[in-house]
């Protein structure tokens, strides 16, 4: 994800996604009300990766208290617009 003009980049773990937005956790704190760009990577059984490049607004931020995860934040973001970016999966 990338926020505002400062172009700060954080890794995140998606918990759920819908047509209206996404909920994820990240170790990085982001300002509520700020704009955000985030990429959700979808993988098919045929080895194709599809990146869903999304733009939205942060609507909720709360400290994550889950014992099974490192300290971080639970972040809810709108899904205002998006584009699909296809790429081949790298062979491992």
N, C-alpha and C. Protein backbone atom coordinates (compact mmCIF):
# COMPACT_ATOMS: atom_id res chain seq x y z
N UNK A 1 0.83 -1.18 0.00
CA UNK A 1 0.00 0.00 0.00
C UNK A 1 0.87 1.23 0.00
N UNK A 2 0.33 2.33 -0.50
CA UNK A 2 1.05 3.59 -0.56
C UNK A 2 0.08 4.68 -0.17
N UNK A 3 0.51 5.60 0.69
CA UNK A 3 -0.39 6.64 1.17
C UNK A 3 0.09 8.02 0.78
N UNK A 4 -0.87 8.89 0.43
CA UNK A 4 -0.61 10.30 0.19
C UNK A 4 0.56 10.60 -0.72
N UNK A 5 1.02 11.82 -0.66
CA UNK A 5 2.11 12.28 -1.51
C UNK A 5 3.46 11.81 -1.01
N UNK A 6 3.54 11.38 0.25
CA UNK A 6 4.81 10.95 0.82
C UNK A 6 5.30 9.64 0.28
N UNK A 7 4.46 8.89 -0.41
CA UNK A 7 4.80 7.60 -0.99
C UNK A 7 5.47 6.66 0.00
N UNK A 8 4.82 6.42 1.09
CA UNK A 8 5.29 5.47 2.09
C UNK A 8 4.71 4.11 1.73
N UNK A 9 5.55 3.10 1.72
CA UNK A 9 5.11 1.77 1.31
C UNK A 9 5.13 0.82 2.50
N UNK A 10 4.05 0.03 2.67
CA UNK A 10 3.94 -0.95 3.74
C UNK A 10 3.40 -2.25 3.17
N UNK A 11 3.84 -3.38 3.72
CA UNK A 11 3.22 -4.66 3.40
C UNK A 11 1.98 -4.81 4.26
N UNK A 12 1.00 -5.55 3.76
CA UNK A 12 -0.24 -5.74 4.49
C UNK A 12 -0.82 -7.12 4.19
N UNK A 13 -1.69 -7.58 5.07
CA UNK A 13 -2.37 -8.86 4.92
C UNK A 13 -3.87 -8.59 4.82
N UNK A 14 -4.48 -8.98 3.70
CA UNK A 14 -5.90 -8.75 3.49
C UNK A 14 -6.73 -9.72 4.31
N UNK A 15 -7.74 -9.21 5.02
CA UNK A 15 -8.66 -10.06 5.79
C UNK A 15 -9.94 -10.30 5.03
N UNK A 16 -10.49 -9.26 4.43
CA UNK A 16 -11.65 -9.43 3.56
C UNK A 16 -11.70 -8.28 2.57
N UNK A 17 -12.39 -8.55 1.46
CA UNK A 17 -12.50 -7.56 0.40
C UNK A 17 -13.89 -7.66 -0.21
N UNK A 18 -14.44 -6.51 -0.59
CA UNK A 18 -15.75 -6.48 -1.22
C UNK A 18 -15.73 -5.39 -2.28
N UNK A 19 -16.86 -5.20 -2.96
CA UNK A 19 -16.95 -4.16 -3.97
C UNK A 19 -16.79 -2.76 -3.37
N UNK A 20 -17.04 -2.64 -2.06
CA UNK A 20 -16.97 -1.34 -1.41
C UNK A 20 -15.66 -1.02 -0.74
N UNK A 21 -14.84 -2.03 -0.46
CA UNK A 21 -13.58 -1.75 0.21
C UNK A 21 -12.86 -2.99 0.67
N UNK A 22 -11.85 -2.78 1.49
CA UNK A 22 -11.00 -3.87 1.96
C UNK A 22 -10.63 -3.62 3.43
N UNK A 23 -10.45 -4.72 4.15
CA UNK A 23 -9.98 -4.68 5.53
C UNK A 23 -8.68 -5.45 5.59
N UNK A 24 -7.63 -4.83 6.09
CA UNK A 24 -6.34 -5.51 6.17
C UNK A 24 -5.59 -5.10 7.42
N UNK A 25 -4.53 -5.85 7.73
CA UNK A 25 -3.64 -5.49 8.82
C UNK A 25 -2.28 -5.11 8.24
N UNK A 26 -1.63 -4.20 8.92
CA UNK A 26 -0.31 -3.75 8.52
C UNK A 26 0.43 -3.24 9.74
N UNK A 27 1.74 -3.34 9.70
CA UNK A 27 2.54 -2.79 10.79
C UNK A 27 2.65 -1.27 10.68
N UNK A 28 2.30 -0.73 9.52
CA UNK A 28 2.39 0.71 9.30
C UNK A 28 1.08 1.41 9.62
N UNK A 29 1.19 2.54 10.30
CA UNK A 29 0.02 3.35 10.63
C UNK A 29 -0.26 4.31 9.48
N UNK A 30 -1.54 4.47 9.14
CA UNK A 30 -1.93 5.39 8.07
C UNK A 30 -3.00 6.35 8.60
N UNK A 31 -3.02 7.58 8.12
CA UNK A 31 -3.97 8.56 8.65
C UNK A 31 -5.40 8.31 8.16
N UNK A 32 -6.35 8.33 9.09
CA UNK A 32 -7.77 8.21 8.74
C UNK A 32 -8.18 9.42 7.93
N UNK A 33 -8.92 9.19 6.85
CA UNK A 33 -9.35 10.26 5.97
C UNK A 33 -8.42 10.49 4.80
N UNK A 34 -7.21 9.94 4.89
CA UNK A 34 -6.24 10.14 3.82
C UNK A 34 -6.48 9.21 2.65
N UNK A 35 -5.98 9.61 1.48
CA UNK A 35 -6.08 8.76 0.30
C UNK A 35 -5.00 7.69 0.35
N UNK A 36 -5.29 6.58 -0.34
CA UNK A 36 -4.36 5.46 -0.30
C UNK A 36 -4.42 4.70 -1.62
N UNK A 37 -3.29 4.18 -2.03
CA UNK A 37 -3.20 3.28 -3.17
C UNK A 37 -2.74 1.95 -2.62
N UNK A 38 -3.43 0.87 -3.00
CA UNK A 38 -3.04 -0.45 -2.52
C UNK A 38 -3.22 -1.47 -3.62
N UNK A 39 -2.43 -2.55 -3.55
CA UNK A 39 -2.46 -3.60 -4.56
C UNK A 39 -2.82 -4.91 -3.88
N UNK A 40 -3.86 -5.55 -4.40
CA UNK A 40 -4.27 -6.88 -3.94
C UNK A 40 -3.87 -7.85 -5.03
N UNK A 41 -3.04 -8.86 -4.69
CA UNK A 41 -2.59 -9.84 -5.67
C UNK A 41 -3.45 -11.09 -5.61
N UNK A 42 -4.06 -11.43 -6.75
CA UNK A 42 -4.87 -12.63 -6.88
C UNK A 42 -4.07 -13.64 -7.70
N UNK A 43 -4.13 -14.92 -7.34
CA UNK A 43 -3.38 -15.96 -8.02
C UNK A 43 -4.33 -17.04 -8.51
N UNK A 44 -4.15 -17.46 -9.77
CA UNK A 44 -4.99 -18.52 -10.32
C UNK A 44 -4.27 -19.86 -10.23
N UNK A 45 -5.01 -20.93 -10.44
CA UNK A 45 -4.44 -22.28 -10.42
C UNK A 45 -3.48 -22.48 -11.60
N UNK A 46 -3.61 -21.69 -12.66
CA UNK A 46 -2.75 -21.83 -13.85
C UNK A 46 -1.45 -21.05 -13.71
N UNK A 47 -1.20 -20.47 -12.56
CA UNK A 47 0.05 -19.75 -12.34
C UNK A 47 0.03 -18.30 -12.76
N UNK A 48 -1.14 -17.78 -13.09
CA UNK A 48 -1.25 -16.37 -13.48
C UNK A 48 -1.52 -15.53 -12.23
N UNK A 49 -0.80 -14.44 -12.12
CA UNK A 49 -1.04 -13.48 -11.05
C UNK A 49 -1.78 -12.29 -11.65
N UNK A 50 -2.75 -11.79 -10.93
CA UNK A 50 -3.45 -10.58 -11.33
C UNK A 50 -3.37 -9.61 -10.16
N UNK A 51 -2.78 -8.47 -10.41
CA UNK A 51 -2.73 -7.43 -9.39
C UNK A 51 -3.93 -6.52 -9.59
N UNK A 52 -4.65 -6.31 -8.52
CA UNK A 52 -5.78 -5.38 -8.52
C UNK A 52 -5.26 -4.11 -7.87
N UNK A 53 -4.94 -3.11 -8.67
CA UNK A 53 -4.40 -1.84 -8.18
C UNK A 53 -5.58 -0.95 -7.82
N UNK A 54 -5.68 -0.59 -6.54
CA UNK A 54 -6.86 0.09 -6.02
C UNK A 54 -6.51 1.47 -5.45
N UNK A 55 -7.51 2.34 -5.47
CA UNK A 55 -7.38 3.67 -4.90
C UNK A 55 -8.59 3.91 -4.02
N UNK A 56 -8.36 4.44 -2.83
CA UNK A 56 -9.47 4.69 -1.92
C UNK A 56 -9.10 5.65 -0.82
N UNK A 57 -9.89 5.58 0.26
CA UNK A 57 -9.70 6.47 1.40
C UNK A 57 -9.74 5.62 2.67
N UNK A 58 -8.87 5.93 3.62
CA UNK A 58 -8.83 5.23 4.90
C UNK A 58 -10.02 5.70 5.74
N UNK A 59 -10.88 4.75 6.15
CA UNK A 59 -12.07 5.12 6.92
C UNK A 59 -12.00 4.66 8.37
N UNK A 60 -11.07 3.73 8.67
CA UNK A 60 -10.95 3.27 10.05
C UNK A 60 -9.54 2.75 10.29
N UNK A 61 -9.02 3.03 11.47
CA UNK A 61 -7.70 2.55 11.90
C UNK A 61 -7.80 2.21 13.37
N UNK A 62 -7.46 0.99 13.70
CA UNK A 62 -7.42 0.61 15.12
C UNK A 62 -6.25 -0.31 15.38
N UNK A 63 -5.72 -0.22 16.57
CA UNK A 63 -4.59 -1.05 16.98
C UNK A 63 -5.03 -2.50 17.02
N UNK A 64 -4.28 -3.38 16.39
CA UNK A 64 -4.58 -4.80 16.38
C UNK A 64 -4.09 -5.44 17.67
N UNK A 65 -4.96 -6.17 18.33
CA UNK A 65 -4.61 -6.82 19.60
C UNK A 65 -4.51 -8.33 19.46
N UNK A 66 -4.52 -8.85 18.22
CA UNK A 66 -4.48 -10.30 18.00
C UNK A 66 -3.15 -10.88 18.49
N UNK A 67 -3.24 -11.88 19.36
CA UNK A 67 -2.04 -12.49 19.93
C UNK A 67 -1.26 -13.28 18.88
N UNK A 68 -1.94 -13.76 17.84
CA UNK A 68 -1.27 -14.58 16.83
C UNK A 68 -0.55 -13.75 15.77
N UNK A 69 -0.65 -12.43 15.85
CA UNK A 69 -0.02 -11.56 14.86
C UNK A 69 0.93 -10.58 15.54
N UNK A 70 1.92 -10.11 14.78
CA UNK A 70 2.79 -9.08 15.35
C UNK A 70 2.00 -7.80 15.58
N UNK A 71 2.49 -6.92 16.44
CA UNK A 71 1.77 -5.66 16.68
C UNK A 71 1.55 -4.94 15.36
N UNK A 72 0.39 -4.40 15.19
CA UNK A 72 0.08 -3.70 13.95
C UNK A 72 -1.27 -3.01 14.04
N UNK A 73 -1.81 -2.68 12.89
CA UNK A 73 -3.05 -1.94 12.81
C UNK A 73 -4.04 -2.67 11.92
N UNK A 74 -5.31 -2.58 12.28
CA UNK A 74 -6.42 -3.05 11.47
C UNK A 74 -6.91 -1.82 10.71
N UNK A 75 -6.92 -1.90 9.37
CA UNK A 75 -7.19 -0.73 8.55
C UNK A 75 -8.33 -1.04 7.58
N UNK A 76 -9.36 -0.19 7.57
CA UNK A 76 -10.48 -0.31 6.63
C UNK A 76 -10.35 0.82 5.61
N UNK A 77 -10.45 0.44 4.32
CA UNK A 77 -10.23 1.37 3.23
C UNK A 77 -11.34 1.21 2.20
N UNK A 78 -11.81 2.33 1.63
CA UNK A 78 -12.80 2.25 0.56
C UNK A 78 -12.13 1.78 -0.72
N UNK A 79 -12.95 1.31 -1.66
CA UNK A 79 -12.47 0.94 -2.99
C UNK A 79 -13.17 1.87 -3.98
N UNK A 80 -12.55 3.02 -4.25
CA UNK A 80 -13.15 4.05 -5.08
C UNK A 80 -12.95 3.80 -6.57
N UNK A 81 -11.76 3.32 -6.93
CA UNK A 81 -11.51 2.94 -8.32
C UNK A 81 -10.38 1.92 -8.34
N UNK A 82 -10.30 1.18 -9.45
CA UNK A 82 -9.30 0.12 -9.55
C UNK A 82 -8.97 -0.16 -11.00
N UNK A 83 -7.86 -0.91 -11.18
CA UNK A 83 -7.49 -1.40 -12.50
C UNK A 83 -6.81 -2.75 -12.32
N UNK A 84 -7.00 -3.63 -13.31
CA UNK A 84 -6.36 -4.94 -13.28
C UNK A 84 -5.01 -4.84 -13.98
N UNK A 85 -3.98 -5.47 -13.37
CA UNK A 85 -2.66 -5.52 -13.96
C UNK A 85 -2.25 -6.99 -13.98
N UNK A 86 -2.17 -7.58 -15.18
CA UNK A 86 -1.83 -9.00 -15.31
C UNK A 86 -0.33 -9.17 -15.43
N UNK A 87 0.18 -10.27 -14.86
CA UNK A 87 1.60 -10.61 -14.98
C UNK A 87 1.75 -12.10 -14.84
N UNK A 88 2.76 -12.67 -15.45
CA UNK A 88 3.03 -14.10 -15.35
C UNK A 88 3.67 -14.40 -14.00
N UNK A 89 3.31 -15.54 -13.41
CA UNK A 89 3.91 -15.97 -12.15
C UNK A 89 5.33 -16.41 -12.41
N UNK A 90 6.22 -16.11 -11.49
CA UNK A 90 7.60 -16.58 -11.63
C UNK A 90 7.67 -18.04 -11.24
N UNK A 91 8.49 -18.79 -11.95
CA UNK A 91 8.61 -20.23 -11.64
C UNK A 91 9.55 -20.40 -10.46
N UNK A 92 9.15 -21.24 -9.52
CA UNK A 92 9.98 -21.45 -8.33
C UNK A 92 10.47 -22.86 -8.27
